[in-house]
PDB file of N, CA and C in Angstrom:
ATOM      1  N   UNK A   1     151.241 194.435  78.951  1.00  0.00           N
ATOM      2  CA  UNK A   1     150.291 193.054  79.432  1.00  0.00           C
ATOM      3  C   UNK A   1     150.012 192.880  79.904  1.00  0.00           C
ATOM      4  N   UNK A   2     150.075 193.708  81.226  1.00  0.00           N
ATOM      5  CA  UNK A   2     148.791 194.426  82.116  1.00  0.00           C
ATOM      6  C   UNK A   2     147.276 194.514  81.715  1.00  0.00           C
ATOM      7  N   UNK A   3     147.404 194.883  80.372  1.00  0.00           N
ATOM      8  CA  UNK A   3     146.430 195.768  80.068  1.00  0.00           C
ATOM      9  C   UNK A   3     145.259 194.480  79.168  1.00  0.00           C
ATOM     10  N   UNK A   4     146.583 193.463  78.640  1.00  0.00           N
ATOM     11  CA  UNK A   4     146.207 192.821  77.700  1.00  0.00           C
ATOM     12  C   UNK A   4     145.484 191.849  78.296  1.00  0.00           C
ATOM     13  N   UNK A   5     145.800 191.652  79.929  1.00  0.00           N
ATOM     14  CA  UNK A   5     145.346 190.690  80.175  1.00  0.00           C
ATOM     15  C   UNK A   5     143.586 191.496  81.155  1.00  0.00           C
ATOM     16  N   UNK A   6     143.075 192.726  81.504  1.00  0.00           N
ATOM     17  CA  UNK A   6     142.221 193.338  82.182  1.00  0.00           C
ATOM     18  C   UNK A   6     141.812 193.056  80.403  1.00  0.00           C
ATOM     19  N   UNK A   7     142.622 193.368  79.406  1.00  0.00           N
ATOM     20  CA  UNK A   7     140.581 193.171  77.801  1.00  0.00           C
ATOM     21  C   UNK A   7     140.725 191.730  78.004  1.00  0.00           C
ATOM     22  N   UNK A   8     141.412 190.077  78.118  1.00  0.00           N
ATOM     23  CA  UNK A   8     141.434 189.245  78.126  1.00  0.00           C
ATOM     24  C   UNK A   8     139.849 188.966  79.281  1.00  0.00           C
ATOM     25  N   UNK A   9     140.545 189.233  81.094  1.00  0.00           N
ATOM     26  CA  UNK A   9     139.346 189.152  81.460  1.00  0.00           C
ATOM     27  C   UNK A   9     138.091 189.953  81.442  1.00  0.00           C
ATOM     28  N   UNK A  10     137.786 190.793  81.152  1.00  0.00           N
ATOM     29  CA  UNK A  10     136.790 191.708  80.084  1.00  0.00           C
ATOM     30  C   UNK A  10     135.775 190.656  78.782  1.00  0.00           C
ATOM     31  N   UNK A  11     136.253 190.122  77.644  1.00  0.00           N
ATOM     32  CA  UNK A  11     136.880 189.429  76.962  1.00  0.00           C
ATOM     33  C   UNK A  11     135.445 187.809  77.356  1.00  0.00           C
ATOM     34  N   UNK A  12     135.659 188.106  78.861  1.00  0.00           N
ATOM     35  CA  UNK A  12     135.575 186.202  78.915  1.00  0.00           C
ATOM     36  C   UNK A  12     134.300 186.965  79.835  1.00  0.00           C
ATOM     37  N   UNK A  13     132.574 186.019  80.151  1.00  0.00           N
ATOM     38  CA  UNK A  13     131.348 186.111  80.741  1.00  0.00           C
ATOM     39  C   UNK A  13     131.846 185.535  81.280  1.00  0.00           C
ATOM     40  N   UNK A  14     131.241 185.718  83.143  1.00  0.00           N
ATOM     41  CA  UNK A  14     131.859 185.314  83.932  1.00  0.00           C
ATOM     42  C   UNK A  14     130.679 185.237  85.133  1.00  0.00           C
ATOM     43  N   UNK A  15     129.993 183.679  85.020  1.00  0.00           N
ATOM     44  CA  UNK A  15     128.941 183.228  85.586  1.00  0.00           C
ATOM     45  C   UNK A  15     129.003 183.379  86.523  1.00  0.00           C
ATOM     46  N   UNK A  16     127.092 183.342  87.463  1.00  0.00           N
ATOM     47  CA  UNK A  16     126.809 184.278  88.244  1.00  0.00           C
ATOM     48  C   UNK A  16     126.950 183.919  89.380  1.00  0.00           C
ATOM     49  N   UNK A  17     126.869 184.752  90.577  1.00  0.00           N
ATOM     50  CA  UNK A  17     127.057 183.897  92.036  1.00  0.00           C
ATOM     51  C   UNK A  17     126.356 183.018  92.365  1.00  0.00           C
ATOM     52  N   UNK A  18     126.708 182.383  92.820  1.00  0.00           N
ATOM     53  CA  UNK A  18     125.189 180.257  92.315  1.00  0.00           C
ATOM     54  C   UNK A  18     125.659 180.474  94.300  1.00  0.00           C
ATOM     55  N   UNK A  19     124.625 179.356  94.484  1.00  0.00           N
ATOM     56  CA  UNK A  19     123.921 178.718  96.339  1.00  0.00           C
ATOM     57  C   UNK A  19     125.325 177.980  95.726  1.00  0.00           C
ATOM     58  N   UNK A  20     125.650 177.069  97.852  1.00  0.00           N
ATOM     59  CA  UNK A  20     126.447 176.492  97.237  1.00  0.00           C
ATOM     60  C   UNK A  20     125.892 174.850  97.317  1.00  0.00           C
ATOM     61  N   UNK A  21     125.046 174.440  97.454  1.00  0.00           N
ATOM     62  CA  UNK A  21     123.925 173.441  96.046  1.00  0.00           C
ATOM     63  C   UNK A  21     123.305 173.462  94.726  1.00  0.00           C
ATOM     64  N   UNK A  22     124.350 174.967  94.424  1.00  0.00           N
ATOM     65  CA  UNK A  22     124.083 174.315  92.954  1.00  0.00           C
ATOM     66  C   UNK A  22     125.913 174.414  91.831  1.00  0.00           C
ATOM     67  N   UNK A  23     125.632 174.019  90.949  1.00  0.00           N
ATOM     68  CA  UNK A  23     127.034 174.178  90.419  1.00  0.00           C
ATOM     69  C   UNK A  23     126.510 175.082  88.637  1.00  0.00           C
ATOM     70  N   UNK A  24     127.975 175.649  88.602  1.00  0.00           N
ATOM     71  CA  UNK A  24     127.830 175.940  86.689  1.00  0.00           C
ATOM     72  C   UNK A  24     128.901 174.948  85.917  1.00  0.00           C
ATOM     73  N   UNK A  25     128.483 174.620  85.379  1.00  0.00           N
ATOM     74  CA  UNK A  25     128.052 173.562  83.564  1.00  0.00           C
ATOM     75  C   UNK A  25     128.701 174.435  82.539  1.00  0.00           C
ATOM     76  N   UNK A  26     129.666 174.189  82.163  1.00  0.00           N
ATOM     77  CA  UNK A  26     129.876 175.027  80.769  1.00  0.00           C
ATOM     78  C   UNK A  26     129.520 174.304  79.801  1.00  0.00           C
ATOM     79  N   UNK A  27     128.823 174.358  79.043  1.00  0.00           N
ATOM     80  CA  UNK A  27     128.081 173.791  78.382  1.00  0.00           C
ATOM     81  C   UNK A  27     127.709 174.263  76.462  1.00  0.00           C
ATOM     82  N   UNK A  28     128.665 174.004  75.405  1.00  0.00           N
ATOM     83  CA  UNK A  28     127.579 174.324  73.961  1.00  0.00           C
ATOM     84  C   UNK A  28     127.913 175.710  74.397  1.00  0.00           C
ATOM     85  N   UNK A  29     128.705 176.817  74.481  1.00  0.00           N
ATOM     86  CA  UNK A  29     128.931 177.818  74.057  1.00  0.00           C
ATOM     87  C   UNK A  29     128.352 178.638  76.086  1.00  0.00           C
ATOM     88  N   UNK A  30     127.654 178.297  76.809  1.00  0.00           N
ATOM     89  CA  UNK A  30     127.163 178.404  77.639  1.00  0.00           C
ATOM     90  C   UNK A  30     127.047 177.783  79.249  1.00  0.00           C
ATOM     91  N   UNK A  31     126.795 178.312  79.917  1.00  0.00           N
ATOM     92  CA  UNK A  31     126.565 177.974  80.755  1.00  0.00           C
ATOM     93  C   UNK A  31     125.520 177.493  81.785  1.00  0.00           C
ATOM     94  N   UNK A  32     125.528 175.914  82.044  1.00  0.00           N
ATOM     95  CA  UNK A  32     124.560 176.174  82.601  1.00  0.00           C
ATOM     96  C   UNK A  32     124.063 175.826  83.879  1.00  0.00           C
ATOM     97  N   UNK A  33     122.865 175.694  85.193  1.00  0.00           N
ATOM     98  CA  UNK A  33     123.158 176.118  86.501  1.00  0.00           C
ATOM     99  C   UNK A  33     122.394 174.396  86.617  1.00  0.00           C
ATOM    100  N   UNK A  34     123.171 173.941  87.561  1.00  0.00           N
ATOM    101  CA  UNK A  34     122.322 172.246  88.112  1.00  0.00           C
ATOM    102  C   UNK A  34     122.652 172.239  90.165  1.00  0.00           C
ATOM    103  N   UNK A  35     122.106 171.530  89.806  1.00  0.00           N
ATOM    104  CA  UNK A  35     122.217 170.494  91.145  1.00  0.00           C
ATOM    105  C   UNK A  35     123.512 169.817  91.311  1.00  0.00           C
ATOM    106  N   UNK A  36     123.509 170.757  92.971  1.00  0.00           N
ATOM    107  CA  UNK A  36     125.309 169.858  93.237  1.00  0.00           C
ATOM    108  C   UNK A  36     125.121 168.518  92.799  1.00  0.00           C
ATOM    109  N   UNK A  37     124.389 168.369  93.994  1.00  0.00           N
ATOM    110  CA  UNK A  37     124.668 167.051  93.993  1.00  0.00           C
ATOM    111  C   UNK A  37     123.385 166.581  92.671  1.00  0.00           C
ATOM    112  N   UNK A  38     124.269 165.461  92.427  1.00  0.00           N
ATOM    113  CA  UNK A  38     123.007 164.712  90.628  1.00  0.00           C
ATOM    114  C   UNK A  38     123.036 165.427  89.196  1.00  0.00           C
ATOM    115  N   UNK A  39     123.938 166.495  89.295  1.00  0.00           N
ATOM    116  CA  UNK A  39     123.711 167.248  88.417  1.00  0.00           C
ATOM    117  C   UNK A  39     121.631 167.423  87.536  1.00  0.00           C
ATOM    118  N   UNK A  40     121.691 167.894  88.074  1.00  0.00           N
ATOM    119  CA  UNK A  40     120.031 167.483  87.440  1.00  0.00           C
ATOM    120  C   UNK A  40     119.514 169.256  87.417  1.00  0.00           C
ATOM    121  N   UNK A  41     118.624 169.492  86.203  1.00  0.00           N
ATOM    122  CA  UNK A  41     118.360 170.764  86.060  1.00  0.00           C
ATOM    123  C   UNK A  41     117.219 171.349  86.719  1.00  0.00           C
ATOM    124  N   UNK A  42     117.572 172.941  86.930  1.00  0.00           N
ATOM    125  CA  UNK A  42     116.306 173.603  87.966  1.00  0.00           C
ATOM    126  C   UNK A  42     115.170 174.936  87.031  1.00  0.00           C
ATOM    127  N   UNK A  43     113.849 174.909  87.841  1.00  0.00           N
ATOM    128  CA  UNK A  43     113.462 174.829  86.774  1.00  0.00           C
ATOM    129  C   UNK A  43     112.035 176.115  88.027  1.00  0.00           C
ATOM    130  N   UNK A  44     111.553 176.692  87.567  1.00  0.00           N
ATOM    131  CA  UNK A  44     110.866 177.650  88.141  1.00  0.00           C
ATOM    132  C   UNK A  44     109.039 177.405  87.520  1.00  0.00           C
ATOM    133  N   UNK A  45     108.432 177.865  87.720  1.00  0.00           N
ATOM    134  CA  UNK A  45     107.091 177.144  88.088  1.00  0.00           C
ATOM    135  C   UNK A  45     106.359 178.609  87.892  1.00  0.00           C
ATOM    136  N   UNK A  46     105.814 178.852  87.035  1.00  0.00           N
ATOM    137  CA  UNK A  46     104.906 179.647  86.730  1.00  0.00           C
ATOM    138  C   UNK A  46     103.719 179.916  87.269  1.00  0.00           C
ATOM    139  N   UNK A  47     103.414 179.423  88.494  1.00  0.00           N
ATOM    140  CA  UNK A  47     101.912 179.382  89.212  1.00  0.00           C
ATOM    141  C   UNK A  47     102.202 180.673  90.967  1.00  0.00           C
ATOM    142  N   UNK A  48     103.795 180.454  90.665  1.00  0.00           N
ATOM    143  CA  UNK A  48     104.068 180.259  91.798  1.00  0.00           C
ATOM    144  C   UNK A  48     103.936 182.148  91.931  1.00  0.00           C
ATOM    145  N   UNK A  49     103.821 182.736  93.128  1.00  0.00           N
ATOM    146  CA  UNK A  49     104.210 184.541  93.043  1.00  0.00           C
ATOM    147  C   UNK A  49     105.337 185.394  93.404  1.00  0.00           C
ATOM    148  N   UNK A  50     105.552 186.289  93.758  1.00  0.00           N
ATOM    149  CA  UNK A  50     106.685 186.336  93.865  1.00  0.00           C
ATOM    150  C   UNK A  50     107.051 186.623  94.668  1.00  0.00           C
ATOM    151  N   UNK A  51     109.141 185.649  95.049  1.00  0.00           N
ATOM    152  CA  UNK A  51     109.108 184.940  97.217  1.00  0.00           C
ATOM    153  C   UNK A  51     107.891 184.200  97.296  1.00  0.00           C
ATOM    154  N   UNK A  52     107.362 183.819  96.654  1.00  0.00           N
ATOM    155  CA  UNK A  52     107.086 182.374  97.683  1.00  0.00           C
ATOM    156  C   UNK A  52     105.963 181.606  96.310  1.00  0.00           C
ATOM    157  N   UNK A  53     106.785 180.430  96.721  1.00  0.00           N
ATOM    158  CA  UNK A  53     105.845 179.267  95.705  1.00  0.00           C
ATOM    159  C   UNK A  53     104.698 179.162  96.560  1.00  0.00           C
ATOM    160  N   UNK A  54     103.393 178.175  95.980  1.00  0.00           N
ATOM    161  CA  UNK A  54     103.152 178.154  95.308  1.00  0.00           C
ATOM    162  C   UNK A  54     101.900 176.090  95.034  1.00  0.00           C
ATOM    163  N   UNK A  55     103.816 175.660  94.506  1.00  0.00           N
ATOM    164  CA  UNK A  55     103.855 173.509  94.146  1.00  0.00           C
ATOM    165  C   UNK A  55     103.869 173.496  95.355  1.00  0.00           C
ATOM    166  N   UNK A  56     102.157 173.016  96.200  1.00  0.00           N
ATOM    167  CA  UNK A  56     102.088 171.940  97.140  1.00  0.00           C
ATOM    168  C   UNK A  56     102.311 170.995  97.304  1.00  0.00           C
ATOM    169  N   UNK A  57     102.493 169.723  97.957  1.00  0.00           N
ATOM    170  CA  UNK A  57     101.927 168.123  98.317  1.00  0.00           C
ATOM    171  C   UNK A  57     102.041 167.733  96.217  1.00  0.00           C
ATOM    172  N   UNK A  58     100.905 167.236  95.403  1.00  0.00           N
ATOM    173  CA  UNK A  58     101.677 166.643  94.792  1.00  0.00           C
ATOM    174  C   UNK A  58     102.000 167.292  93.397  1.00  0.00           C
ATOM    175  N   UNK A  59     102.313 168.656  93.917  1.00  0.00           N
ATOM    176  CA  UNK A  59     102.822 169.345  93.654  1.00  0.00           C
ATOM    177  C   UNK A  59     104.711 169.018  93.124  1.00  0.00           C
ATOM    178  N   UNK A  60     104.739 169.259  94.640  1.00  0.00           N
ATOM    179  CA  UNK A  60     105.840 169.251  94.978  1.00  0.00           C
ATOM    180  C   UNK A  60     106.602 167.993  95.541  1.00  0.00           C
ATOM    181  N   UNK A  61     105.760 166.602  95.776  1.00  0.00           N
ATOM    182  CA  UNK A  61     106.243 165.602  94.959  1.00  0.00           C
ATOM    183  C   UNK A  61     106.803 164.917  94.063  1.00  0.00           C
ATOM    184  N   UNK A  62     106.272 166.225  92.753  1.00  0.00           N
ATOM    185  CA  UNK A  62     106.758 165.506  91.529  1.00  0.00           C
ATOM    186  C   UNK A  62     107.371 166.479  91.611  1.00  0.00           C
ATOM    187  N   UNK A  63     107.838 167.725  92.461  1.00  0.00           N
ATOM    188  CA  UNK A  63     108.942 169.409  91.490  1.00  0.00           C
ATOM    189  C   UNK A  63     109.488 169.519  93.056  1.00  0.00           C
ATOM    190  N   UNK A  64     110.118 168.363  93.652  1.00  0.00           N
ATOM    191  CA  UNK A  64     110.716 169.037  94.503  1.00  0.00           C
ATOM    192  C   UNK A  64     111.383 170.080  94.836  1.00  0.00           C
ATOM    193  N   UNK A  65     111.238 171.061  96.127  1.00  0.00           N
ATOM    194  CA  UNK A  65     112.460 172.581  95.596  1.00  0.00           C
ATOM    195  C   UNK A  65     113.725 171.646  96.975  1.00  0.00           C
ATOM    196  N   UNK A  66     114.371 173.321  95.905  1.00  0.00           N
ATOM    197  CA  UNK A  66     115.637 173.096  95.743  1.00  0.00           C
ATOM    198  C   UNK A  66     116.648 173.995  97.620  1.00  0.00           C
ATOM    199  N   UNK A  67     116.144 172.645  98.691  1.00  0.00           N
ATOM    200  CA  UNK A  67     115.660 173.325  99.574  1.00  0.00           C
ATOM    201  C   UNK A  67     116.866 174.196 100.493  1.00  0.00           C
ATOM    202  N   UNK A  68     117.399 175.194 100.509  1.00  0.00           N
ATOM    203  CA  UNK A  68     118.238 176.829 100.780  1.00  0.00           C
ATOM    204  C   UNK A  68     118.374 175.956 102.447  1.00  0.00           C
ATOM    205  N   UNK A  69     119.220 175.363 102.942  1.00  0.00           N
ATOM    206  CA  UNK A  69     119.484 175.652 104.341  1.00  0.00           C
ATOM    207  C   UNK A  69     119.037 175.960 105.688  1.00  0.00           C
ATOM    208  N   UNK A  70     119.519 176.024 107.056  1.00  0.00           N
ATOM    209  CA  UNK A  70     119.137 176.799 108.105  1.00  0.00           C
ATOM    210  C   UNK A  70     120.618 177.774 107.087  1.00  0.00           C
ATOM    211  N   UNK A  71     120.734 178.969 108.406  1.00  0.00           N
ATOM    212  CA  UNK A  71     122.007 179.994 107.916  1.00  0.00           C
ATOM    213  C   UNK A  71     122.157 180.413 106.390  1.00  0.00           C
ATOM    214  N   UNK A  72     121.210 179.768 105.663  1.00  0.00           N
ATOM    215  CA  UNK A  72     121.770 180.015 103.969  1.00  0.00           C
ATOM    216  C   UNK A  72     121.742 181.374 103.839  1.00  0.00           C
ATOM    217  N   UNK A  73     122.245 182.349 102.850  1.00  0.00           N
ATOM    218  CA  UNK A  73     122.559 183.365 102.769  1.00  0.00           C
ATOM    219  C   UNK A  73     122.030 183.744 101.360  1.00  0.00           C
ATOM    220  N   UNK A  74     121.370 185.063 100.890  1.00  0.00           N
ATOM    221  CA  UNK A  74     121.021 184.919  99.470  1.00  0.00           C
ATOM    222  C   UNK A  74     122.276 185.273  98.986  1.00  0.00           C
ATOM    223  N   UNK A  75     122.523 185.580  97.877  1.00  0.00           N
ATOM    224  CA  UNK A  75     123.882 185.803  97.016  1.00  0.00           C
ATOM    225  C   UNK A  75     123.217 186.476  95.066  1.00  0.00           C
ATOM    226  N   UNK A  76     124.008 186.783  95.575  1.00  0.00           N
ATOM    227  CA  UNK A  76     123.962 187.607  93.393  1.00  0.00           C
ATOM    228  C   UNK A  76     122.487 187.370  93.585  1.00  0.00           C
ATOM    229  N   UNK A  77     121.529 187.492  92.434  1.00  0.00           N
ATOM    230  CA  UNK A  77     119.734 187.046  92.295  1.00  0.00           C
ATOM    231  C   UNK A  77     119.614 185.750  93.126  1.00  0.00           C
ATOM    232  N   UNK A  78     120.362 185.046  93.965  1.00  0.00           N
ATOM    233  CA  UNK A  78     119.229 184.282  94.216  1.00  0.00           C
ATOM    234  C   UNK A  78     119.776 184.759  95.690  1.00  0.00           C
ATOM    235  N   UNK A  79     117.949 184.010  96.298  1.00  0.00           N
ATOM    236  CA  UNK A  79     117.573 184.908  97.715  1.00  0.00           C
ATOM    237  C   UNK A  79     116.919 183.431  98.302  1.00  0.00           C
ATOM    238  N   UNK A  80     116.442 183.523  98.988  1.00  0.00           N
ATOM    239  CA  UNK A  80     115.625 182.394 100.430  1.00  0.00           C
ATOM    240  C   UNK A  80     114.078 182.767 100.309  1.00  0.00           C
ATOM    241  N   UNK A  81     113.838 182.245  99.769  1.00  0.00           N
ATOM    242  CA  UNK A  81     112.332 182.246 100.509  1.00  0.00           C
ATOM    243  C   UNK A  81     111.131 181.056 101.191  1.00  0.00           C
ATOM    244  N   UNK A  82     110.403 181.206 102.383  1.00  0.00           N
ATOM    245  CA  UNK A  82     110.057 180.383 103.777  1.00  0.00           C
ATOM    246  C   UNK A  82     108.559 180.433 102.858  1.00  0.00           C
ATOM    247  N   UNK A  83     108.603 178.304 103.099  1.00  0.00           N
ATOM    248  CA  UNK A  83     108.138 177.554 102.297  1.00  0.00           C
ATOM    249  C   UNK A  83     106.649 177.294 103.661  1.00  0.00           C
ATOM    250  N   UNK A  84     105.435 176.596 103.049  1.00  0.00           N
ATOM    251  CA  UNK A  84     104.814 176.802 104.534  1.00  0.00           C
ATOM    252  C   UNK A  84     104.822 176.850 105.534  1.00  0.00           C
ATOM    253  N   UNK A  85     105.272 175.745 105.305  1.00  0.00           N
ATOM    254  CA  UNK A  85     105.957 174.906 107.215  1.00  0.00           C
ATOM    255  C   UNK A  85     107.293 175.196 106.886  1.00  0.00           C
ATOM    256  N   UNK A  86     107.718 176.481 106.954  1.00  0.00           N
ATOM    257  CA  UNK A  86     108.526 177.545 107.327  1.00  0.00           C
ATOM    258  C   UNK A  86     110.172 176.452 106.676  1.00  0.00           C
ATOM    259  N   UNK A  87     110.136 175.933 106.057  1.00  0.00           N
ATOM    260  CA  UNK A  87     111.605 175.761 104.922  1.00  0.00           C
ATOM    261  C   UNK A  87     112.227 176.915 104.510  1.00  0.00           C
ATOM    262  N   UNK A  88     113.238 176.609 104.318  1.00  0.00           N
ATOM    263  CA  UNK A  88     114.312 177.512 103.494  1.00  0.00           C
ATOM    264  C   UNK A  88     114.005 177.196 102.102  1.00  0.00           C
ATOM    265  N   UNK A  89     113.644 177.488 100.519  1.00  0.00           N
ATOM    266  CA  UNK A  89     113.927 177.163  99.877  1.00  0.00           C
ATOM    267  C   UNK A  89     114.986 178.340  98.983  1.00  0.00           C
ATOM    268  N   UNK A  90     115.849 177.830  98.117  1.00  0.00           N
ATOM    269  CA  UNK A  90     116.125 178.536  96.824  1.00  0.00           C
ATOM    270  C   UNK A  90     115.820 178.964  96.223  1.00  0.00           C
ATOM    271  N   UNK A  91     115.367 181.328  95.862  1.00  0.00           N
ATOM    272  CA  UNK A  91     114.224 181.257  94.788  1.00  0.00           C
ATOM    273  C   UNK A  91     115.580 181.879  93.784  1.00  0.00           C
ATOM    274  N   UNK A  92     115.612 182.729  92.261  1.00  0.00           N
ATOM    275  CA  UNK A  92     116.060 182.757  91.304  1.00  0.00           C
ATOM    276  C   UNK A  92     115.724 184.284  91.435  1.00  0.00           C
ATOM    277  N   UNK A  93     115.721 185.614  91.295  1.00  0.00           N
ATOM    278  CA  UNK A  93     115.720 186.539  90.659  1.00  0.00           C
ATOM    279  C   UNK A  93     113.726 186.463  91.351  1.00  0.00           C
ATOM    280  N   UNK A  94     113.585 186.428  92.284  1.00  0.00           N
ATOM    281  CA  UNK A  94     112.448 186.455  93.030  1.00  0.00           C
ATOM    282  C   UNK A  94     111.377 185.216  93.048  1.00  0.00           C
ATOM    283  N   UNK A  95     111.698 184.042  92.084  1.00  0.00           N
ATOM    284  CA  UNK A  95     111.231 182.771  91.951  1.00  0.00           C
ATOM    285  C   UNK A  95     111.365 181.291  91.835  1.00  0.00           C
ATOM    286  N   UNK A  96     110.798 180.689  93.606  1.00  0.00           N
ATOM    287  CA  UNK A  96     111.074 179.925  94.038  1.00  0.00           C
ATOM    288  C   UNK A  96     111.992 179.136  92.529  1.00  0.00           C
ATOM    289  N   UNK A  97     112.386 178.207  93.000  1.00  0.00           N
ATOM    290  CA  UNK A  97     113.509 176.789  92.201  1.00  0.00           C
ATOM    291  C   UNK A  97     112.907 175.628  92.473  1.00  0.00           C
ATOM    292  N   UNK A  98     112.541 174.577  91.298  1.00  0.00           N
ATOM    293  CA  UNK A  98     112.413 172.970  91.846  1.00  0.00           C
ATOM    294  C   UNK A  98     113.395 172.961  90.602  1.00  0.00           C
ATOM    295  N   UNK A  99     113.665 170.892  90.995  1.00  0.00           N
ATOM    296  CA  UNK A  99     114.487 169.982  90.584  1.00  0.00           C
ATOM    297  C   UNK A  99     112.500 169.268  90.026  1.00  0.00           C
ATOM    298  N   UNK A 100     113.160 168.545  89.008  1.00  0.00           N
ATOM    299  CA  UNK A 100     111.862 167.181  88.622  1.00  0.00           C
ATOM    300  C   UNK A 100     112.444 166.062  89.235  1.00  0.00           C
ATOM    301  N   UNK A 101     111.871 164.912  88.723  1.00  0.00           N
ATOM    302  CA  UNK A 101     111.634 164.077  89.749  1.00  0.00           C
ATOM    303  C   UNK A 101     112.311 162.749  88.370  1.00  0.00           C
ATOM    304  N   UNK A 102     111.718 162.677  87.618  1.00  0.00           N
ATOM    305  CA  UNK A 102     111.641 162.529  85.831  1.00  0.00           C
ATOM    306  C   UNK A 102     112.913 162.836  85.241  1.00  0.00           C
ATOM    307  N   UNK A 103     113.911 164.131  85.522  1.00  0.00           N
ATOM    308  CA  UNK A 103     115.190 164.385  85.367  1.00  0.00           C
ATOM    309  C   UNK A 103     116.213 163.490  85.373  1.00  0.00           C
ATOM    310  N   UNK A 104     117.063 162.715  84.533  1.00  0.00           N
ATOM    311  CA  UNK A 104     118.184 162.010  85.216  1.00  0.00           C
ATOM    312  C   UNK A 104     119.369 162.795  83.949  1.00  0.00           C
ATOM    313  N   UNK A 105     120.828 162.532  84.754  1.00  0.00           N
ATOM    314  CA  UNK A 105     121.592 162.712  84.538  1.00  0.00           C
ATOM    315  C   UNK A 105     122.375 163.647  83.159  1.00  0.00           C
ATOM    316  N   UNK A 106     121.505 165.475  83.925  1.00  0.00           N
ATOM    317  CA  UNK A 106     121.915 166.174  83.251  1.00  0.00           C
ATOM    318  C   UNK A 106     120.057 166.816  82.471  1.00  0.00           C
ATOM    319  N   UNK A 107     119.759 165.454  82.241  1.00  0.00           N
ATOM    320  CA  UNK A 107     118.404 165.858  80.379  1.00  0.00           C
ATOM    321  C   UNK A 107     117.456 166.527  81.613  1.00  0.00           C
ATOM    322  N   UNK A 108     116.570 167.307  80.330  1.00  0.00           N
ATOM    323  CA  UNK A 108     115.005 167.997  81.847  1.00  0.00           C
ATOM    324  C   UNK A 108     114.328 167.718  80.109  1.00  0.00           C
ATOM    325  N   UNK A 109     113.295 167.191  80.924  1.00  0.00           N
ATOM    326  CA  UNK A 109     112.947 166.514  80.372  1.00  0.00           C
ATOM    327  C   UNK A 109     111.310 167.226  81.263  1.00  0.00           C
ATOM    328  N   UNK A 110     111.911 168.051  81.821  1.00  0.00           N
ATOM    329  CA  UNK A 110     110.458 168.499  82.622  1.00  0.00           C
ATOM    330  C   UNK A 110     110.403 170.715  82.434  1.00  0.00           C
ATOM    331  N   UNK A 111     111.444 169.982  81.549  1.00  0.00           N
ATOM    332  CA  UNK A 111     111.338 172.295  80.436  1.00  0.00           C
ATOM    333  C   UNK A 111     109.737 172.094  79.547  1.00  0.00           C
ATOM    334  N   UNK A 112     109.242 173.031  79.634  1.00  0.00           N
ATOM    335  CA  UNK A 112     107.682 173.947  78.766  1.00  0.00           C
ATOM    336  C   UNK A 112     106.823 172.638  79.020  1.00  0.00           C
ATOM    337  N   UNK A 113     106.812 172.213  80.241  1.00  0.00           N
ATOM    338  CA  UNK A 113     105.985 170.774  81.413  1.00  0.00           C
ATOM    339  C   UNK A 113     104.454 171.763  81.094  1.00  0.00           C
ATOM    340  N   UNK A 114     103.744 171.461  80.643  1.00  0.00           N
ATOM    341  CA  UNK A 114     102.448 172.240  81.054  1.00  0.00           C
ATOM    342  C   UNK A 114     102.439 173.434  80.569  1.00  0.00           C
ATOM    343  N   UNK A 115     103.301 174.038  80.158  1.00  0.00           N
ATOM    344  CA  UNK A 115     103.423 175.676  79.704  1.00  0.00           C
ATOM    345  C   UNK A 115     104.045 175.970  81.168  1.00  0.00           C
ATOM    346  N   UNK A 116     103.990 175.462  81.773  1.00  0.00           N
ATOM    347  CA  UNK A 116     103.968 176.368  83.583  1.00  0.00           C
ATOM    348  C   UNK A 116     105.819 176.023  83.880  1.00  0.00           C
ATOM    349  N   UNK A 117     106.086 174.813  83.317  1.00  0.00           N
ATOM    350  CA  UNK A 117     107.659 174.143  84.222  1.00  0.00           C
ATOM    351  C   UNK A 117     108.538 175.402  82.898  1.00  0.00           C
ATOM    352  N   UNK A 118     109.817 176.113  83.612  1.00  0.00           N
ATOM    353  CA  UNK A 118     110.700 176.450  82.464  1.00  0.00           C
ATOM    354  C   UNK A 118     111.536 176.829  83.578  1.00  0.00           C
ATOM    355  N   UNK A 119     112.856 175.509  82.611  1.00  0.00           N
ATOM    356  CA  UNK A 119     114.805 175.432  82.557  1.00  0.00           C
ATOM    357  C   UNK A 119     115.177 177.366  83.401  1.00  0.00           C
ATOM    358  N   UNK A 120     115.695 176.848  84.564  1.00  0.00           N
ATOM    359  CA  UNK A 120     116.409 178.873  84.998  1.00  0.00           C
ATOM    360  C   UNK A 120     117.210 179.486  83.027  1.00  0.00           C
ATOM    361  N   UNK A 121     117.129 180.181  82.660  1.00  0.00           N
ATOM    362  CA  UNK A 121     118.397 180.579  82.375  1.00  0.00           C
ATOM    363  C   UNK A 121     119.525 180.306  82.694  1.00  0.00           C
ATOM    364  N   UNK A 122     120.498 179.570  80.753  1.00  0.00           N
ATOM    365  CA  UNK A 122     121.291 180.213  80.344  1.00  0.00           C
ATOM    366  C   UNK A 122     122.121 180.626  80.836  1.00  0.00           C
ATOM    367  N   UNK A 123     123.535 181.227  80.793  1.00  0.00           N
ATOM    368  CA  UNK A 123     124.362 182.905  80.689  1.00  0.00           C
ATOM    369  C   UNK A 123     124.431 182.322  79.376  1.00  0.00           C
ATOM    370  N   UNK A 124     126.164 182.648  78.751  1.00  0.00           N
ATOM    371  CA  UNK A 124     126.787 182.817  78.046  1.00  0.00           C
ATOM    372  C   UNK A 124     128.369 182.710  78.553  1.00  0.00           C
ATOM    373  N   UNK A 125     129.024 181.517  77.674  1.00  0.00           N
ATOM    374  CA  UNK A 125     130.525 181.911  78.384  1.00  0.00           C
ATOM    375  C   UNK A 125     131.336 182.931  77.505  1.00  0.00           C
ATOM    376  N   UNK A 126     131.347 183.434  76.616  1.00  0.00           N
ATOM    377  CA  UNK A 126     131.547 184.809  76.342  1.00  0.00           C
ATOM    378  C   UNK A 126     131.235 185.761  75.661  1.00  0.00           C
TER     379      UNK A 126
END
């Protein structure tokens, strides 16, 4: 019986470790990452440097940073980068993470915008 449970557990993909401001939603056979507040999609920006956000001013008004509160700790592929103003921002695999102000109710209207904005990767549920 325990061998059977082990095989079943191994056959099901486990979602990644995530920060407290992020939720994992199973959707169409995959896990997607969304904000905990509002289920907004999460994006990366090609013009960022590894571990550094280059989205400021007007860019930041349209693409709000996923804020890492004081005392937040890195988990799995999630780290924290320090923004120019000293605040913390969540980063996934070294890339700072953002939301998009035009997204509502899990829509992902910013994916591919200007060829530099991309949704975080999805993960198979199996």
